[in-house]
């Protein structure tokens, strides 16, 4: 039941994002998070019990997401090559948030933070990555989120 409510919330956000005259090619598409790379010693694929539960929808100047356990909203500046977040708000955690979904939520909550900046890279029409920028420029393995269009 909660997944259905989450899907409705994301669909509503996508509809609202569509009403705001998107100015970039990512808008209007629901992007499923399929991998989160935070540690080079561990694979980043989304755990099976969390598959399909985390998505991002880009609006004209916003990002609406589902972390696998909670809704997330942020203001965003989005271009063909980067994404900058501001005013990130995470909603109430689902009561059944556990296992792989909880791990995914924790990872995304640590990456999708106020003032975060990401390099955006496209791989064809239906795959993108968001790679976190670090202020010191020294991070050899910056956190990266891999997404595919639904």
C-alpha atoms as a PDB file:
ATOM      1  CA  UNK A   1       0.000   0.000   0.000  1.00  0.00           C
ATOM      2  CA  UNK A   2       2.807   2.422   0.875  1.00  0.00           C
ATOM      3  CA  UNK A   3       4.529   1.782  -2.470  1.00  0.00           C
ATOM      4  CA  UNK A   4       1.270   2.698  -4.216  1.00  0.00           C
ATOM      5  CA  UNK A   5       1.024   5.939  -2.262  1.00  0.00           C
ATOM      6  CA  UNK A   6       4.665   6.686  -3.061  1.00  0.00           C
ATOM      7  CA  UNK A   7       4.056   6.054  -6.755  1.00  0.00           C
ATOM      8  CA  UNK A   8       1.061   8.407  -6.696  1.00  0.00           C
ATOM      9  CA  UNK A   9       3.124  11.098  -4.941  1.00  0.00           C
ATOM     10  CA  UNK A  10       5.938  10.824  -7.494  1.00  0.00           C
ATOM     11  CA  UNK A  11       3.448  10.827 -10.380  1.00  0.00           C
ATOM     12  CA  UNK A  12       1.812  13.961  -8.962  1.00  0.00           C
ATOM     13  CA  UNK A  13       5.214  15.611  -8.618  1.00  0.00           C
ATOM     14  CA  UNK A  14       6.028  14.668 -12.202  1.00  0.00           C
ATOM     15  CA  UNK A  15       2.741  16.171 -13.365  1.00  0.00           C
ATOM     16  CA  UNK A  16       3.448  19.391 -11.479  1.00  0.00           C
ATOM     17  CA  UNK A  17       6.994  19.458 -12.833  1.00  0.00           C
ATOM     18  CA  UNK A  18       5.532  19.113 -16.321  1.00  0.00           C
ATOM     19  CA  UNK A  19       3.311  22.164 -15.760  1.00  0.00           C
ATOM     20  CA  UNK A  20       6.302  24.373 -15.072  1.00  0.00           C
ATOM     21  CA  UNK A  21       7.582  24.461 -18.665  1.00  0.00           C
ATOM     22  CA  UNK A  22      10.772  22.389 -18.368  1.00  0.00           C
ATOM     23  CA  UNK A  23      13.863  24.046 -19.759  1.00  0.00           C
ATOM     24  CA  UNK A  24      16.163  21.025 -19.688  1.00  0.00           C
ATOM     25  CA  UNK A  25      16.012  17.509 -21.173  1.00  0.00           C
ATOM     26  CA  UNK A  26      15.758  15.666 -17.820  1.00  0.00           C
ATOM     27  CA  UNK A  27      12.417  17.186 -16.875  1.00  0.00           C
ATOM     28  CA  UNK A  28       9.240  15.203 -17.220  1.00  0.00           C
ATOM     29  CA  UNK A  29      10.955  11.824 -16.864  1.00  0.00           C
ATOM     30  CA  UNK A  30      10.900   9.600 -13.810  1.00  0.00           C
ATOM     31  CA  UNK A  31      14.467   8.428 -13.197  1.00  0.00           C
ATOM     32  CA  UNK A  32      14.882   5.206 -11.213  1.00  0.00           C
ATOM     33  CA  UNK A  33      17.960   5.001  -9.000  1.00  0.00           C
ATOM     34  CA  UNK A  34      19.694   1.731  -9.903  1.00  0.00           C
ATOM     35  CA  UNK A  35      23.054   2.202  -8.173  1.00  0.00           C
ATOM     36  CA  UNK A  36      24.682   4.405  -5.545  1.00  0.00           C
ATOM     37  CA  UNK A  37      28.471   4.262  -5.459  1.00  0.00           C
ATOM     38  CA  UNK A  38      29.882   5.478  -2.142  1.00  0.00           C
ATOM     39  CA  UNK A  39      32.696   3.008  -1.430  1.00  0.00           C
ATOM     40  CA  UNK A  40      35.041   1.594  -4.097  1.00  0.00           C
ATOM     41  CA  UNK A  41      35.327  -1.654  -2.116  1.00  0.00           C
ATOM     42  CA  UNK A  42      31.601  -2.438  -2.425  1.00  0.00           C
ATOM     43  CA  UNK A  43      29.307  -2.778  -5.443  1.00  0.00           C
ATOM     44  CA  UNK A  44      26.819   0.040  -5.736  1.00  0.00           C
ATOM     45  CA  UNK A  45      23.817  -1.784  -7.158  1.00  0.00           C
ATOM     46  CA  UNK A  46      20.564  -1.098  -5.343  1.00  0.00           C
ATOM     47  CA  UNK A  47      19.725  -4.070  -3.072  1.00  0.00           C
ATOM     48  CA  UNK A  48      17.009  -6.375  -4.414  1.00  0.00           C
ATOM     49  CA  UNK A  49      14.581  -5.499  -1.620  1.00  0.00           C
ATOM     50  CA  UNK A  50      14.910  -1.816  -2.540  1.00  0.00           C
ATOM     51  CA  UNK A  51      14.743  -2.173  -6.339  1.00  0.00           C
ATOM     52  CA  UNK A  52      12.269   0.248  -7.878  1.00  0.00           C
ATOM     53  CA  UNK A  53      11.641   2.099  -4.612  1.00  0.00           C
ATOM     54  CA  UNK A  54      13.961   5.080  -5.194  1.00  0.00           C
ATOM     55  CA  UNK A  55      13.292   7.595  -7.954  1.00  0.00           C
ATOM     56  CA  UNK A  56      14.058  11.187  -8.901  1.00  0.00           C
ATOM     57  CA  UNK A  57      11.914  13.562 -10.957  1.00  0.00           C
ATOM     58  CA  UNK A  58      13.486  16.831 -12.112  1.00  0.00           C
ATOM     59  CA  UNK A  59      11.272  19.887 -12.422  1.00  0.00           C
ATOM     60  CA  UNK A  60      12.159  23.211 -13.960  1.00  0.00           C
ATOM     61  CA  UNK A  61      13.888  24.377 -10.768  1.00  0.00           C
ATOM     62  CA  UNK A  62      13.298  21.455  -8.436  1.00  0.00           C
ATOM     63  CA  UNK A  63      14.089  17.872  -7.632  1.00  0.00           C
ATOM     64  CA  UNK A  64      11.473  15.523  -6.171  1.00  0.00           C
ATOM     65  CA  UNK A  65      12.655  12.136  -5.000  1.00  0.00           C
ATOM     66  CA  UNK A  66      11.758   9.003  -3.126  1.00  0.00           C
ATOM     67  CA  UNK A  67      14.758   7.631  -1.171  1.00  0.00           C
ATOM     68  CA  UNK A  68      13.356   4.137  -0.775  1.00  0.00           C
ATOM     69  CA  UNK A  69      11.915   5.080   2.625  1.00  0.00           C
ATOM     70  CA  UNK A  70      10.885   8.745   2.506  1.00  0.00           C
ATOM     71  CA  UNK A  71       9.985  11.576   0.146  1.00  0.00           C
ATOM     72  CA  UNK A  72      12.603  14.255  -0.535  1.00  0.00           C
ATOM     73  CA  UNK A  73      12.147  17.728  -2.051  1.00  0.00           C
ATOM     74  CA  UNK A  74      14.764  20.265  -3.085  1.00  0.00           C
ATOM     75  CA  UNK A  75      15.152  23.410  -5.065  1.00  0.00           C
ATOM     76  CA  UNK A  76      17.607  22.846  -7.905  1.00  0.00           C
ATOM     77  CA  UNK A  77      19.556  24.571 -10.631  1.00  0.00           C
ATOM     78  CA  UNK A  78      19.781  22.104 -13.499  1.00  0.00           C
ATOM     79  CA  UNK A  79      21.777  22.366 -16.709  1.00  0.00           C
ATOM     80  CA  UNK A  80      23.048  19.924 -19.312  1.00  0.00           C
ATOM     81  CA  UNK A  81      26.196  19.321 -17.261  1.00  0.00           C
ATOM     82  CA  UNK A  82      25.409  19.915 -13.599  1.00  0.00           C
ATOM     83  CA  UNK A  83      22.828  19.939 -10.817  1.00  0.00           C
ATOM     84  CA  UNK A  84      22.987  22.149  -7.715  1.00  0.00           C
ATOM     85  CA  UNK A  85      20.610  21.561  -4.793  1.00  0.00           C
ATOM     86  CA  UNK A  86      19.218  24.009  -2.268  1.00  0.00           C
ATOM     87  CA  UNK A  87      16.630  23.800   0.478  1.00  0.00           C
ATOM     88  CA  UNK A  88      16.534  19.996   0.774  1.00  0.00           C
ATOM     89  CA  UNK A  89      13.670  18.623   2.880  1.00  0.00           C
ATOM     90  CA  UNK A  90      13.174  14.952   3.721  1.00  0.00           C
ATOM     91  CA  UNK A  91       9.729  13.728   4.742  1.00  0.00           C
ATOM     92  CA  UNK A  92       8.710  11.235   7.392  1.00  0.00           C
ATOM     93  CA  UNK A  93      10.434   7.848   7.270  1.00  0.00           C
ATOM     94  CA  UNK A  94       8.208   4.878   6.396  1.00  0.00           C
ATOM     95  CA  UNK A  95       7.497   2.673   9.416  1.00  0.00           C
ATOM     96  CA  UNK A  96       8.650  -0.415   7.497  1.00  0.00           C
ATOM     97  CA  UNK A  97      11.977   1.112   6.401  1.00  0.00           C
ATOM     98  CA  UNK A  98      14.518  -1.686   6.873  1.00  0.00           C
ATOM     99  CA  UNK A  99      17.190  -3.730   5.113  1.00  0.00           C
ATOM    100  CA  UNK A 100      18.335  -2.600   1.693  1.00  0.00           C
ATOM    101  CA  UNK A 101      15.739   0.161   1.544  1.00  0.00           C
ATOM    102  CA  UNK A 102      17.104   1.637   4.773  1.00  0.00           C
ATOM    103  CA  UNK A 103      20.683   1.440   3.483  1.00  0.00           C
ATOM    104  CA  UNK A 104      19.657   3.141   0.244  1.00  0.00           C
ATOM    105  CA  UNK A 105      17.770   5.849   2.156  1.00  0.00           C
ATOM    106  CA  UNK A 106      20.822   6.502   4.345  1.00  0.00           C
ATOM    107  CA  UNK A 107      23.145   6.757   1.338  1.00  0.00           C
ATOM    108  CA  UNK A 108      20.862   9.138  -0.540  1.00  0.00           C
ATOM    109  CA  UNK A 109      20.207  11.252   2.564  1.00  0.00           C
ATOM    110  CA  UNK A 110      23.962  11.745   2.939  1.00  0.00           C
ATOM    111  CA  UNK A 111      24.436  12.691  -0.733  1.00  0.00           C
ATOM    112  CA  UNK A 112      21.314  14.741  -1.536  1.00  0.00           C
ATOM    113  CA  UNK A 113      21.962  17.565   0.928  1.00  0.00           C
ATOM    114  CA  UNK A 114      21.576  21.361   0.806  1.00  0.00           C
ATOM    115  CA  UNK A 115      24.156  23.063  -1.428  1.00  0.00           C
ATOM    116  CA  UNK A 116      25.289  19.743  -2.935  1.00  0.00           C
ATOM    117  CA  UNK A 117      26.672  20.044  -6.451  1.00  0.00           C
ATOM    118  CA  UNK A 118      26.802  17.243  -9.008  1.00  0.00           C
ATOM    119  CA  UNK A 119      28.367  16.689 -12.382  1.00  0.00           C
ATOM    120  CA  UNK A 120      25.653  15.369 -14.678  1.00  0.00           C
ATOM    121  CA  UNK A 121      26.624  12.880 -17.356  1.00  0.00           C
ATOM    122  CA  UNK A 122      24.306  11.330 -19.938  1.00  0.00           C
ATOM    123  CA  UNK A 123      24.720   7.871 -21.435  1.00  0.00           C
ATOM    124  CA  UNK A 124      22.253   7.942 -24.293  1.00  0.00           C
ATOM    125  CA  UNK A 125      18.649   8.989 -23.794  1.00  0.00           C
ATOM    126  CA  UNK A 126      17.793   6.763 -20.846  1.00  0.00           C
ATOM    127  CA  UNK A 127      20.749   6.694 -18.444  1.00  0.00           C
ATOM    128  CA  UNK A 128      22.469   9.403 -16.394  1.00  0.00           C
ATOM    129  CA  UNK A 129      24.868   9.707 -13.481  1.00  0.00           C
ATOM    130  CA  UNK A 130      25.082  12.389 -10.824  1.00  0.00           C
ATOM    131  CA  UNK A 131      28.603  12.581  -9.383  1.00  0.00           C
ATOM    132  CA  UNK A 132      29.052  14.667  -6.250  1.00  0.00           C
ATOM    133  CA  UNK A 133      31.565  17.491  -6.406  1.00  0.00           C
ATOM    134  CA  UNK A 134      33.748  18.020  -3.368  1.00  0.00           C
ATOM    135  CA  UNK A 135      35.124  21.443  -2.513  1.00  0.00           C
ATOM    136  CA  UNK A 136      38.699  20.249  -2.014  1.00  0.00           C
ATOM    137  CA  UNK A 137      38.940  18.536  -5.412  1.00  0.00           C
ATOM    138  CA  UNK A 138      40.855  15.628  -3.848  1.00  0.00           C
ATOM    139  CA  UNK A 139      38.140  12.944  -3.683  1.00  0.00           C
ATOM    140  CA  UNK A 140      39.271  10.164  -6.040  1.00  0.00           C
ATOM    141  CA  UNK A 141      36.010   8.232  -5.650  1.00  0.00           C
ATOM    142  CA  UNK A 142      33.226  10.781  -5.226  1.00  0.00           C
ATOM    143  CA  UNK A 143      29.729   9.459  -4.480  1.00  0.00           C
ATOM    144  CA  UNK A 144      27.820   8.767  -7.681  1.00  0.00           C
ATOM    145  CA  UNK A 145      24.153   8.008  -8.297  1.00  0.00           C
ATOM    146  CA  UNK A 146      23.267   6.044 -11.462  1.00  0.00           C
ATOM    147  CA  UNK A 147      19.739   6.470 -12.815  1.00  0.00           C
ATOM    148  CA  UNK A 148      17.732   5.035 -15.711  1.00  0.00           C
ATOM    149  CA  UNK A 149      14.579   6.427 -17.276  1.00  0.00           C
ATOM    150  CA  UNK A 150      11.386   4.541 -16.477  1.00  0.00           C
END
